[in-house]
Amino acid sequence: MRAELSAIKPFLITWAVAFLFSSLIVVHFLLNYVAQGKVTDFKFSNQSFAAASSQPQFAKVTTTAVQKPLPPKSAPVSPQPNNQTEANTYARGNCTWYAKSRRPDLPNNLGNAYTWISRARSQGMPTGKEAKVGAIGQSGNHVVYVEKLNPDSTIFISEMNYTSYGKITQRTLPASSFMYIY
């Protein structure tokens, strides 16, 4: 008996590793679809442990696909001192696209959100630590638009792609959370 088990042990290990790997791939893709907003609801129905059944029944996964609409494209901007005459060239649905759509006077060459302050400063744009209405706030790899200053040193901001791709959200945060482009 021991010899028979040792003969099939490599096969069982290989099968178990392949099963776990393929399960991880399925979970990875499902989580990516959820994170991208392509799947907003999934349900598991499982009756695999019914006492009367001798054959296992596998869990059934039901998904609902939802297309989330993006805001309309921004209109082309008039020529600015930085010679930018194109429309918003940032990737639609991202925080940079939204910030540029709220501030069409900003150039299209500020890069990823984490480079906006340094690149704006290097191009002669005013930047600083003080929040102002209409400023772009930057923290980490995220940019926001300052809608309102509150008397308690907080700001009311609007943003895109904070909770999910392409979604515009609003929140109140400490003004000290960001560096700003004016």
N, C-alpha and C. Protein backbone atom coordinates (compact mmCIF):
# COMPACT_ATOMS: atom_id res chain seq x y z
N MET A 1 0.83 -1.20 0.00
CA MET A 1 0.00 0.00 0.00
C MET A 1 0.87 1.26 0.00
N ARG A 2 1.94 1.24 0.82
CA ARG A 2 2.83 2.38 0.89
C ARG A 2 3.52 2.64 -0.45
N ALA A 3 3.89 1.59 -1.16
CA ALA A 3 4.54 1.72 -2.46
C ALA A 3 3.58 2.32 -3.49
N GLU A 4 2.30 1.92 -3.42
CA GLU A 4 1.31 2.47 -4.34
C GLU A 4 1.11 3.96 -4.10
N LEU A 5 1.06 4.36 -2.83
CA LEU A 5 0.90 5.78 -2.50
C LEU A 5 2.11 6.59 -2.94
N SER A 6 3.30 6.05 -2.73
CA SER A 6 4.49 6.81 -3.13
C SER A 6 4.59 6.92 -4.65
N ALA A 7 4.00 5.98 -5.37
CA ALA A 7 4.01 6.04 -6.84
C ALA A 7 3.08 7.13 -7.37
N ILE A 8 1.95 7.34 -6.70
CA ILE A 8 1.01 8.36 -7.19
C ILE A 8 1.20 9.71 -6.49
N LYS A 9 2.07 9.77 -5.50
CA LYS A 9 2.28 11.03 -4.77
C LYS A 9 2.70 12.18 -5.69
N PRO A 10 3.68 11.98 -6.60
CA PRO A 10 4.04 13.11 -7.50
C PRO A 10 2.86 13.56 -8.36
N PHE A 11 2.05 12.62 -8.82
CA PHE A 11 0.87 12.98 -9.61
C PHE A 11 -0.10 13.80 -8.78
N LEU A 12 -0.37 13.39 -7.55
CA LEU A 12 -1.30 14.12 -6.69
C LEU A 12 -0.79 15.52 -6.37
N ILE A 13 0.50 15.63 -6.12
CA ILE A 13 1.08 16.96 -5.83
C ILE A 13 0.96 17.85 -7.06
N THR A 14 1.29 17.32 -8.22
CA THR A 14 1.19 18.10 -9.47
C THR A 14 -0.25 18.52 -9.71
N TRP A 15 -1.19 17.62 -9.53
CA TRP A 15 -2.60 17.94 -9.73
C TRP A 15 -3.06 19.02 -8.75
N ALA A 16 -2.67 18.90 -7.48
CA ALA A 16 -3.09 19.87 -6.47
C ALA A 16 -2.52 21.26 -6.79
N VAL A 17 -1.25 21.32 -7.19
CA VAL A 17 -0.64 22.60 -7.54
C VAL A 17 -1.33 23.21 -8.75
N ALA A 18 -1.62 22.41 -9.76
CA ALA A 18 -2.30 22.92 -10.96
C ALA A 18 -3.70 23.42 -10.62
N PHE A 19 -4.41 22.70 -9.76
CA PHE A 19 -5.76 23.11 -9.36
C PHE A 19 -5.70 24.44 -8.60
N LEU A 20 -4.79 24.56 -7.66
CA LEU A 20 -4.67 25.80 -6.89
C LEU A 20 -4.27 26.97 -7.79
N PHE A 21 -3.34 26.74 -8.70
CA PHE A 21 -2.90 27.80 -9.61
C PHE A 21 -4.05 28.27 -10.50
N SER A 22 -4.80 27.33 -11.07
CA SER A 22 -5.91 27.73 -11.94
C SER A 22 -6.99 28.44 -11.13
N SER A 23 -7.21 28.02 -9.88
CA SER A 23 -8.19 28.71 -9.03
C SER A 23 -7.76 30.14 -8.76
N LEU A 24 -6.47 30.34 -8.52
CA LEU A 24 -5.96 31.69 -8.28
C LEU A 24 -6.12 32.57 -9.51
N ILE A 25 -5.92 32.01 -10.68
CA ILE A 25 -6.09 32.78 -11.91
C ILE A 25 -7.55 33.21 -12.06
N VAL A 26 -8.48 32.32 -11.81
CA VAL A 26 -9.90 32.66 -11.91
C VAL A 26 -10.25 33.76 -10.91
N VAL A 27 -9.80 33.63 -9.68
CA VAL A 27 -10.07 34.65 -8.66
C VAL A 27 -9.44 35.98 -9.06
N HIS A 28 -8.21 35.94 -9.57
CA HIS A 28 -7.54 37.17 -10.00
C HIS A 28 -8.36 37.90 -11.07
N PHE A 29 -8.80 37.18 -12.10
CA PHE A 29 -9.57 37.82 -13.15
C PHE A 29 -10.93 38.32 -12.65
N LEU A 30 -11.57 37.57 -11.79
CA LEU A 30 -12.85 38.01 -11.24
C LEU A 30 -12.67 39.28 -10.42
N LEU A 31 -11.63 39.33 -9.59
CA LEU A 31 -11.38 40.54 -8.79
C LEU A 31 -11.03 41.72 -9.67
N ASN A 32 -10.30 41.50 -10.75
CA ASN A 32 -9.99 42.60 -11.68
C ASN A 32 -11.26 43.13 -12.33
N TYR A 33 -12.17 42.26 -12.73
CA TYR A 33 -13.42 42.72 -13.32
C TYR A 33 -14.24 43.52 -12.32
N VAL A 34 -14.25 43.07 -11.06
CA VAL A 34 -14.97 43.82 -10.02
C VAL A 34 -14.31 45.17 -9.82
N ALA A 35 -12.97 45.21 -9.72
CA ALA A 35 -12.25 46.46 -9.49
C ALA A 35 -12.45 47.44 -10.64
N GLN A 36 -12.58 46.95 -11.86
CA GLN A 36 -12.78 47.82 -13.02
C GLN A 36 -14.24 48.21 -13.20
N GLY A 37 -15.11 47.72 -12.35
CA GLY A 37 -16.52 48.07 -12.46
C GLY A 37 -17.26 47.28 -13.52
N LYS A 38 -16.63 46.26 -14.10
CA LYS A 38 -17.31 45.47 -15.13
C LYS A 38 -18.29 44.49 -14.52
N VAL A 39 -18.07 44.12 -13.27
CA VAL A 39 -18.98 43.25 -12.55
C VAL A 39 -19.30 43.95 -11.24
N THR A 40 -20.54 44.21 -10.98
CA THR A 40 -20.90 44.90 -9.75
C THR A 40 -21.62 44.00 -8.78
N ASP A 41 -22.03 42.81 -9.22
CA ASP A 41 -22.78 41.94 -8.34
C ASP A 41 -22.49 40.51 -8.73
N PHE A 42 -22.12 39.69 -7.77
CA PHE A 42 -22.02 38.27 -8.06
C PHE A 42 -22.54 37.48 -6.87
N LYS A 43 -23.15 36.37 -7.18
CA LYS A 43 -23.79 35.57 -6.15
C LYS A 43 -23.31 34.14 -6.28
N PHE A 44 -23.13 33.51 -5.15
CA PHE A 44 -22.78 32.11 -5.14
C PHE A 44 -24.00 31.31 -4.70
N SER A 45 -24.34 30.31 -5.48
CA SER A 45 -25.38 29.39 -5.04
C SER A 45 -24.72 28.03 -4.99
N ASN A 46 -24.80 27.38 -3.86
CA ASN A 46 -24.08 26.13 -3.69
C ASN A 46 -24.96 25.15 -2.93
N GLN A 47 -25.20 24.02 -3.55
CA GLN A 47 -25.95 22.96 -2.88
C GLN A 47 -25.13 21.69 -2.94
N SER A 48 -23.80 21.83 -2.88
CA SER A 48 -22.92 20.69 -3.07
C SER A 48 -22.91 19.73 -1.89
N PHE A 49 -23.44 20.13 -0.77
CA PHE A 49 -23.38 19.27 0.40
C PHE A 49 -24.76 18.74 0.78
N ALA A 50 -25.63 18.58 -0.22
CA ALA A 50 -26.96 18.03 0.04
C ALA A 50 -26.81 16.58 0.49
N ALA A 51 -27.45 16.22 1.57
CA ALA A 51 -27.28 14.89 2.16
C ALA A 51 -27.75 13.77 1.22
N ALA A 52 -28.75 14.04 0.41
CA ALA A 52 -29.31 12.99 -0.44
C ALA A 52 -28.46 12.74 -1.68
N SER A 53 -27.57 13.64 -2.01
CA SER A 53 -26.80 13.53 -3.24
C SER A 53 -25.46 12.85 -2.98
N SER A 54 -25.12 11.88 -3.80
CA SER A 54 -23.81 11.25 -3.68
C SER A 54 -22.80 11.92 -4.61
N GLN A 55 -23.28 12.68 -5.59
CA GLN A 55 -22.41 13.39 -6.51
C GLN A 55 -22.29 14.85 -6.07
N PRO A 56 -21.06 15.39 -5.97
CA PRO A 56 -20.92 16.80 -5.59
C PRO A 56 -21.43 17.70 -6.70
N GLN A 57 -22.05 18.79 -6.31
CA GLN A 57 -22.48 19.82 -7.25
C GLN A 57 -21.62 21.03 -6.98
N PHE A 58 -21.10 21.64 -8.00
CA PHE A 58 -20.18 22.75 -7.82
C PHE A 58 -20.93 24.06 -7.72
N ALA A 59 -20.28 25.03 -7.05
CA ALA A 59 -20.89 26.35 -6.86
C ALA A 59 -21.12 27.01 -8.21
N LYS A 60 -22.24 27.65 -8.34
CA LYS A 60 -22.57 28.38 -9.57
C LYS A 60 -22.38 29.86 -9.29
N VAL A 61 -21.61 30.52 -10.13
CA VAL A 61 -21.36 31.95 -9.98
C VAL A 61 -22.16 32.69 -11.04
N THR A 62 -22.94 33.66 -10.60
CA THR A 62 -23.73 34.48 -11.51
C THR A 62 -23.18 35.90 -11.46
N THR A 63 -22.87 36.47 -12.61
CA THR A 63 -22.35 37.84 -12.65
C THR A 63 -23.30 38.73 -13.42
N THR A 64 -23.25 40.00 -13.08
CA THR A 64 -24.04 41.00 -13.78
C THR A 64 -23.08 42.05 -14.31
N ALA A 65 -22.98 42.19 -15.60
CA ALA A 65 -22.07 43.17 -16.19
C ALA A 65 -22.76 44.52 -16.27
N VAL A 66 -22.02 45.56 -15.96
CA VAL A 66 -22.56 46.92 -15.99
C VAL A 66 -21.55 47.82 -16.68
N GLN A 67 -22.00 48.56 -17.65
CA GLN A 67 -21.15 49.55 -18.30
C GLN A 67 -21.36 50.88 -17.59
N LYS A 68 -20.30 51.40 -16.96
CA LYS A 68 -20.41 52.67 -16.26
C LYS A 68 -20.12 53.79 -17.25
N PRO A 69 -21.03 54.73 -17.38
CA PRO A 69 -20.78 55.83 -18.32
C PRO A 69 -19.70 56.77 -17.78
N LEU A 70 -18.87 57.26 -18.67
CA LEU A 70 -17.87 58.24 -18.31
C LEU A 70 -18.43 59.63 -18.59
N PRO A 71 -17.89 60.65 -17.92
CA PRO A 71 -18.33 62.01 -18.22
C PRO A 71 -18.05 62.34 -19.68
N PRO A 72 -18.75 63.31 -20.24
CA PRO A 72 -18.51 63.67 -21.63
C PRO A 72 -17.09 64.18 -21.84
N LYS A 73 -16.60 64.04 -23.06
CA LYS A 73 -15.26 64.55 -23.37
C LYS A 73 -15.23 66.06 -23.16
N SER A 74 -14.07 66.53 -22.71
CA SER A 74 -13.95 67.97 -22.52
C SER A 74 -13.81 68.65 -23.88
N ALA A 75 -14.29 69.88 -23.96
CA ALA A 75 -14.20 70.64 -25.20
C ALA A 75 -12.76 71.10 -25.41
N PRO A 76 -12.36 71.30 -26.65
CA PRO A 76 -11.01 71.83 -26.88
C PRO A 76 -10.85 73.18 -26.18
N VAL A 77 -9.67 73.40 -25.67
CA VAL A 77 -9.41 74.65 -24.96
C VAL A 77 -8.82 75.67 -25.93
N SER A 78 -9.01 76.92 -25.59
CA SER A 78 -8.40 77.96 -26.41
C SER A 78 -6.90 77.99 -26.13
N PRO A 79 -6.11 78.57 -27.03
CA PRO A 79 -4.67 78.59 -26.82
C PRO A 79 -4.31 79.23 -25.48
N GLN A 80 -3.41 78.60 -24.77
CA GLN A 80 -2.94 79.06 -23.47
C GLN A 80 -1.49 79.52 -23.61
N PRO A 81 -0.97 80.21 -22.60
CA PRO A 81 0.43 80.63 -22.67
C PRO A 81 1.39 79.47 -22.86
N ASN A 82 1.01 78.28 -22.47
CA ASN A 82 1.90 77.12 -22.64
C ASN A 82 1.73 76.46 -24.01
N ASN A 83 1.05 77.13 -24.92
CA ASN A 83 0.84 76.68 -26.30
C ASN A 83 0.05 75.37 -26.40
N GLN A 84 -0.71 75.00 -25.39
CA GLN A 84 -1.54 73.81 -25.46
C GLN A 84 -2.85 74.18 -26.13
N THR A 85 -3.12 73.58 -27.27
CA THR A 85 -4.38 73.85 -27.97
C THR A 85 -5.21 72.58 -28.12
N GLU A 86 -4.71 71.44 -27.64
CA GLU A 86 -5.46 70.20 -27.76
C GLU A 86 -6.44 70.05 -26.61
N ALA A 87 -7.38 69.15 -26.81
CA ALA A 87 -8.31 68.81 -25.73
C ALA A 87 -7.55 68.00 -24.67
N ASN A 88 -8.25 67.57 -23.71
CA ASN A 88 -7.68 66.77 -22.62
C ASN A 88 -7.15 65.45 -23.18
N THR A 89 -5.85 65.23 -23.07
CA THR A 89 -5.24 64.01 -23.61
C THR A 89 -4.95 62.95 -22.54
N TYR A 90 -5.35 63.21 -21.31
CA TYR A 90 -5.16 62.20 -20.27
C TYR A 90 -6.17 61.07 -20.47
N ALA A 91 -5.89 59.92 -19.89
CA ALA A 91 -6.75 58.74 -20.05
C ALA A 91 -8.10 58.98 -19.37
N ARG A 92 -9.18 58.90 -20.18
CA ARG A 92 -10.53 59.11 -19.64
C ARG A 92 -10.79 58.13 -18.50
N GLY A 93 -11.43 58.65 -17.44
CA GLY A 93 -11.77 57.81 -16.30
C GLY A 93 -10.78 57.91 -15.16
N ASN A 94 -9.60 58.45 -15.41
CA ASN A 94 -8.59 58.58 -14.36
C ASN A 94 -8.69 59.93 -13.67
N CYS A 95 -8.06 60.05 -12.51
CA CYS A 95 -8.10 61.30 -11.76
C CYS A 95 -7.45 62.44 -12.53
N THR A 96 -6.40 62.14 -13.29
CA THR A 96 -5.73 63.18 -14.07
C THR A 96 -6.64 63.73 -15.17
N TRP A 97 -7.42 62.85 -15.79
CA TRP A 97 -8.36 63.30 -16.82
C TRP A 97 -9.39 64.24 -16.20
N TYR A 98 -9.92 63.86 -15.05
CA TYR A 98 -10.93 64.68 -14.40
C TYR A 98 -10.35 66.04 -13.98
N ALA A 99 -9.17 66.03 -13.39
CA ALA A 99 -8.56 67.29 -12.95
C ALA A 99 -8.32 68.21 -14.15
N LYS A 100 -7.82 67.66 -15.23
CA LYS A 100 -7.59 68.45 -16.45
C LYS A 100 -8.92 68.96 -17.02
N SER A 101 -9.98 68.16 -16.92
CA SER A 101 -11.28 68.62 -17.44
C SER A 101 -11.84 69.76 -16.59
N ARG A 102 -11.52 69.78 -15.30
CA ARG A 102 -11.96 70.87 -14.44
C ARG A 102 -11.06 72.09 -14.58
N ARG A 103 -9.83 71.88 -15.00
CA ARG A 103 -8.87 72.97 -15.19
C ARG A 103 -8.26 72.88 -16.59
N PRO A 104 -9.03 73.24 -17.62
CA PRO A 104 -8.53 73.12 -19.00
C PRO A 104 -7.33 74.02 -19.28
N ASP A 105 -7.04 74.98 -18.39
CA ASP A 105 -5.88 75.84 -18.58
C ASP A 105 -4.57 75.11 -18.29
N LEU A 106 -4.62 73.97 -17.64
CA LEU A 106 -3.40 73.22 -17.34
C LEU A 106 -2.94 72.48 -18.59
N PRO A 107 -1.63 72.28 -18.71
CA PRO A 107 -1.12 71.57 -19.89
C PRO A 107 -1.39 70.07 -19.81
N ASN A 108 -1.22 69.41 -20.94
CA ASN A 108 -1.40 67.96 -21.02
C ASN A 108 -0.13 67.20 -20.68
N ASN A 109 0.93 67.87 -20.30
CA ASN A 109 2.21 67.20 -20.12
C ASN A 109 2.64 67.09 -18.65
N LEU A 110 1.69 67.05 -17.73
CA LEU A 110 2.05 66.94 -16.32
C LEU A 110 2.29 65.50 -15.88
N GLY A 111 1.98 64.55 -16.74
CA GLY A 111 2.29 63.15 -16.47
C GLY A 111 1.33 62.49 -15.50
N ASN A 112 1.84 61.47 -14.80
CA ASN A 112 1.05 60.79 -13.76
C ASN A 112 0.82 61.74 -12.60
N ALA A 113 -0.18 61.47 -11.81
CA ALA A 113 -0.57 62.38 -10.73
C ALA A 113 0.59 62.72 -9.80
N TYR A 114 1.46 61.77 -9.50
CA TYR A 114 2.53 62.04 -8.55
C TYR A 114 3.57 63.04 -9.08
N THR A 115 3.56 63.32 -10.38
CA THR A 115 4.52 64.29 -10.94
C THR A 115 3.90 65.66 -11.20
N TRP A 116 2.62 65.83 -10.95
CA TRP A 116 1.95 67.08 -11.31
C TRP A 116 2.57 68.30 -10.62
N ILE A 117 2.83 68.26 -9.35
CA ILE A 117 3.36 69.42 -8.64
C ILE A 117 4.75 69.79 -9.18
N SER A 118 5.64 68.83 -9.26
CA SER A 118 7.01 69.13 -9.71
C SER A 118 7.02 69.61 -11.16
N ARG A 119 6.24 68.99 -12.01
CA ARG A 119 6.22 69.42 -13.42
C ARG A 119 5.55 70.78 -13.59
N ALA A 120 4.49 71.03 -12.83
CA ALA A 120 3.84 72.35 -12.89
C ALA A 120 4.82 73.43 -12.43
N ARG A 121 5.51 73.18 -11.33
CA ARG A 121 6.48 74.12 -10.79
C ARG A 121 7.61 74.37 -11.81
N SER A 122 8.09 73.31 -12.45
CA SER A 122 9.19 73.46 -13.42
C SER A 122 8.76 74.24 -14.66
N GLN A 123 7.45 74.31 -14.91
CA GLN A 123 6.93 75.07 -16.05
C GLN A 123 6.49 76.47 -15.65
N GLY A 124 6.80 76.85 -14.40
CA GLY A 124 6.51 78.21 -13.95
C GLY A 124 5.11 78.43 -13.40
N MET A 125 4.35 77.37 -13.20
CA MET A 125 3.01 77.52 -12.63
C MET A 125 3.11 77.67 -11.11
N PRO A 126 2.25 78.50 -10.53
CA PRO A 126 2.30 78.66 -9.07
C PRO A 126 1.81 77.40 -8.36
N THR A 127 2.55 76.99 -7.34
CA THR A 127 2.19 75.84 -6.51
C THR A 127 2.38 76.22 -5.05
N GLY A 128 1.81 75.45 -4.16
CA GLY A 128 2.00 75.72 -2.74
C GLY A 128 1.22 74.78 -1.85
N LYS A 129 1.27 75.09 -0.54
CA LYS A 129 0.62 74.25 0.48
C LYS A 129 -0.73 74.77 0.91
N GLU A 130 -1.11 75.97 0.46
CA GLU A 130 -2.35 76.59 0.88
C GLU A 130 -3.48 76.24 -0.10
N ALA A 131 -4.57 75.73 0.43
CA ALA A 131 -5.71 75.36 -0.41
C ALA A 131 -6.43 76.61 -0.91
N LYS A 132 -6.88 76.58 -2.16
CA LYS A 132 -7.69 77.65 -2.75
C LYS A 132 -8.75 77.01 -3.62
N VAL A 133 -9.91 77.63 -3.68
CA VAL A 133 -10.98 77.13 -4.54
C VAL A 133 -10.49 77.15 -5.99
N GLY A 134 -10.71 76.05 -6.68
CA GLY A 134 -10.29 75.94 -8.07
C GLY A 134 -8.89 75.37 -8.24
N ALA A 135 -8.18 75.16 -7.14
CA ALA A 135 -6.83 74.60 -7.22
C ALA A 135 -6.93 73.09 -7.44
N ILE A 136 -5.86 72.53 -7.97
CA ILE A 136 -5.71 71.09 -8.08
C ILE A 136 -4.87 70.64 -6.90
N GLY A 137 -5.41 69.72 -6.11
CA GLY A 137 -4.66 69.15 -4.99
C GLY A 137 -4.02 67.84 -5.42
N GLN A 138 -2.80 67.62 -4.96
CA GLN A 138 -2.08 66.39 -5.30
C GLN A 138 -1.54 65.76 -4.02
N SER A 139 -1.76 64.45 -3.89
CA SER A 139 -1.22 63.68 -2.78
C SER A 139 -0.94 62.28 -3.29
N GLY A 140 0.30 61.83 -3.13
CA GLY A 140 0.66 60.51 -3.66
C GLY A 140 0.44 60.48 -5.16
N ASN A 141 -0.21 59.45 -5.65
CA ASN A 141 -0.49 59.34 -7.09
C ASN A 141 -1.97 59.62 -7.35
N HIS A 142 -2.45 60.76 -6.79
CA HIS A 142 -3.85 61.12 -6.97
C HIS A 142 -3.97 62.64 -7.00
N VAL A 143 -4.83 63.15 -7.90
CA VAL A 143 -5.12 64.58 -7.96
C VAL A 143 -6.62 64.80 -7.79
N VAL A 144 -6.97 65.96 -7.20
CA VAL A 144 -8.36 66.30 -6.91
C VAL A 144 -8.59 67.75 -7.29
N TYR A 145 -9.86 68.15 -7.36
CA TYR A 145 -10.24 69.54 -7.63
C TYR A 145 -10.86 70.11 -6.36
N VAL A 146 -10.38 71.28 -5.91
CA VAL A 146 -10.89 71.91 -4.70
C VAL A 146 -12.16 72.69 -5.04
N GLU A 147 -13.28 72.24 -4.48
CA GLU A 147 -14.57 72.88 -4.73
C GLU A 147 -14.86 74.00 -3.73
N LYS A 148 -14.46 73.79 -2.46
CA LYS A 148 -14.86 74.71 -1.41
C LYS A 148 -13.89 74.64 -0.24
N LEU A 149 -13.63 75.80 0.39
CA LEU A 149 -12.84 75.85 1.62
C LEU A 149 -13.81 75.93 2.79
N ASN A 150 -13.57 75.15 3.81
CA ASN A 150 -14.41 75.17 5.00
C ASN A 150 -13.70 75.91 6.14
N PRO A 151 -14.45 76.54 7.06
CA PRO A 151 -13.84 77.31 8.14
C PRO A 151 -13.00 76.47 9.11
N ASP A 152 -13.19 75.16 9.13
CA ASP A 152 -12.45 74.30 10.07
C ASP A 152 -11.16 73.74 9.48
N SER A 153 -10.60 74.41 8.46
CA SER A 153 -9.35 73.98 7.80
C SER A 153 -9.50 72.68 7.03
N THR A 154 -10.71 72.38 6.61
CA THR A 154 -10.93 71.26 5.71
C THR A 154 -11.35 71.80 4.35
N ILE A 155 -11.28 70.94 3.36
CA ILE A 155 -11.70 71.32 2.01
C ILE A 155 -12.69 70.29 1.49
N PHE A 156 -13.61 70.77 0.66
CA PHE A 156 -14.56 69.91 -0.02
C PHE A 156 -14.02 69.73 -1.42
N ILE A 157 -13.74 68.49 -1.81
CA ILE A 157 -13.10 68.23 -3.11
C ILE A 157 -13.99 67.33 -3.96
N SER A 158 -13.76 67.38 -5.28
CA SER A 158 -14.35 66.41 -6.19
C SER A 158 -13.18 65.70 -6.88
N GLU A 159 -13.42 64.48 -7.27
CA GLU A 159 -12.35 63.66 -7.82
C GLU A 159 -12.93 62.54 -8.66
N MET A 160 -12.07 61.90 -9.42
CA MET A 160 -12.47 60.75 -10.21
C MET A 160 -11.51 59.62 -9.92
N ASN A 161 -12.03 58.41 -9.99
CA ASN A 161 -11.24 57.20 -9.87
C ASN A 161 -10.69 56.97 -8.47
N TYR A 162 -11.35 57.51 -7.46
CA TYR A 162 -10.93 57.23 -6.08
C TYR A 162 -11.58 55.96 -5.56
N THR A 163 -12.90 55.84 -5.75
CA THR A 163 -13.59 54.63 -5.27
C THR A 163 -13.69 53.56 -6.35
N SER A 164 -13.79 53.98 -7.60
CA SER A 164 -13.79 53.03 -8.70
C SER A 164 -13.54 53.78 -10.01
N TYR A 165 -13.12 53.04 -10.99
CA TYR A 165 -12.73 53.62 -12.27
C TYR A 165 -13.86 54.43 -12.89
N GLY A 166 -13.56 55.67 -13.25
CA GLY A 166 -14.51 56.52 -13.96
C GLY A 166 -15.57 57.16 -13.10
N LYS A 167 -15.59 56.89 -11.81
CA LYS A 167 -16.63 57.41 -10.94
C LYS A 167 -16.17 58.72 -10.30
N ILE A 168 -17.04 59.73 -10.37
CA ILE A 168 -16.77 61.02 -9.73
C ILE A 168 -17.34 60.97 -8.32
N THR A 169 -16.51 61.31 -7.36
CA THR A 169 -16.94 61.33 -5.96
C THR A 169 -16.55 62.67 -5.34
N GLN A 170 -17.14 62.95 -4.20
CA GLN A 170 -16.84 64.17 -3.45
C GLN A 170 -16.62 63.79 -2.00
N ARG A 171 -15.71 64.49 -1.35
CA ARG A 171 -15.48 64.26 0.07
C ARG A 171 -14.87 65.50 0.71
N THR A 172 -14.83 65.49 2.03
CA THR A 172 -14.23 66.57 2.81
C THR A 172 -13.00 66.00 3.49
N LEU A 173 -11.87 66.71 3.33
CA LEU A 173 -10.59 66.27 3.86
C LEU A 173 -9.85 67.43 4.49
N PRO A 174 -8.85 67.16 5.34
CA PRO A 174 -8.02 68.27 5.85
C PRO A 174 -7.28 68.94 4.69
N ALA A 175 -7.24 70.26 4.71
CA ALA A 175 -6.56 71.00 3.64
C ALA A 175 -5.08 70.66 3.59
N SER A 176 -4.51 70.25 4.72
CA SER A 176 -3.09 69.91 4.77
C SER A 176 -2.77 68.59 4.10
N SER A 177 -3.76 67.89 3.57
CA SER A 177 -3.55 66.59 2.93
C SER A 177 -2.88 66.70 1.56
N PHE A 178 -2.83 67.90 0.99
CA PHE A 178 -2.40 68.05 -0.40
C PHE A 178 -1.37 69.17 -0.57
N MET A 179 -0.65 69.09 -1.69
CA MET A 179 0.07 70.21 -2.27
C MET A 179 -0.84 70.68 -3.40
N TYR A 180 -0.70 71.95 -3.81
CA TYR A 180 -1.67 72.52 -4.75
C TYR A 180 -1.01 73.19 -5.95
N ILE A 181 -1.73 73.11 -7.07
CA ILE A 181 -1.42 73.88 -8.27
C ILE A 181 -2.51 74.93 -8.39
N TYR A 182 -2.10 76.20 -8.51
CA TYR A 182 -3.09 77.30 -8.56
C TYR A 182 -3.35 77.74 -9.99
